[in-house]
Amino acid sequence: MPVIGNHSEQPSTLFPVLAEKLALIDQRAMSLPELHGYLSALVAAPDLVPPGLWTPFIFNEDGIAPRVDDELLTAVRKEAVECYNLVSRAINEGTFEPLSGTPNAADSDPDDLMKRWAEGFFKGTALWETVVPVAEDRELTSMLLPIAYCIDAEAIAADVQDYTSTADFLSDDTRESMYGMIPAAVLMIRDYFQNLKDLHASPAEAMLPFDVSVDQEDEWDYPCPCGSGEAFGDCCGRME
């Protein structure tokens, strides 16, 4: 999985600093756990998603850039790319954990943190839809189960046949097991898409007729969020 741009800040401060800036810019911005989940989904995506497509949604669900100083906006977008790189390295090195590099208060509710992380992840999967129809891919849906569990375990309990009862499915032991499965699930999703790439020229070919739209291809010409003035495909979007 590619690393885009440059990574400069220490992991212990990178995510909290970005989340704090986002909260000051727009009250609707992603929270720290949600941001980490969102970027995790982008790293595991079937194809590299250009920052021009995903950075607008870290500010608000509408994807509308806030009315702030252009220099500040460019700096925040660049820091978001650096956070993406942090998650990408963790996944590539096999050290990925949900919320890693995102210190939380000691009194934070772990279930609430995991729910917000998972909600961010599924917001990221929305950007997969131009390549793969998630709901129609049963294998992929199965891999996403531990993450979906974090959001609403009761809603999916009836669809799971491996547990003797709903109470069993909602037990503390099952919850801990599901949380523990998430790192492996993210790696499986990344590898699943990579295997499709190995078999086909692109994920779009692998999943025809659900191919990449022309508009998405054009995003490689989107101005790079690092502020260089170059097109994303010629700057931070180049494969390393």
Foldseek 3Di string as FASTA:
>chain_A
DFQFDDADDDLLPLLVVLQVLLCVQAVQAAHSLLLQLQLLLQLLALDRQALVPPVLPRNHPVSDDGPDDPVSQLVSSNSSSNSSNVQNVCLVVVNDARCPSPDDDPPDDPLVSLQSNLNSNVSNCVVNQLQDPQVVDVVLVVLCVLSVCSNPVQVCLVVDDPDPDSCRCPDPVNNVVSSVCNSVSSSVSSVVSVVLVVVDVGSNVSDPPSHHDPVSVCQQQPQHSNPPRGRNVVHRVPGD
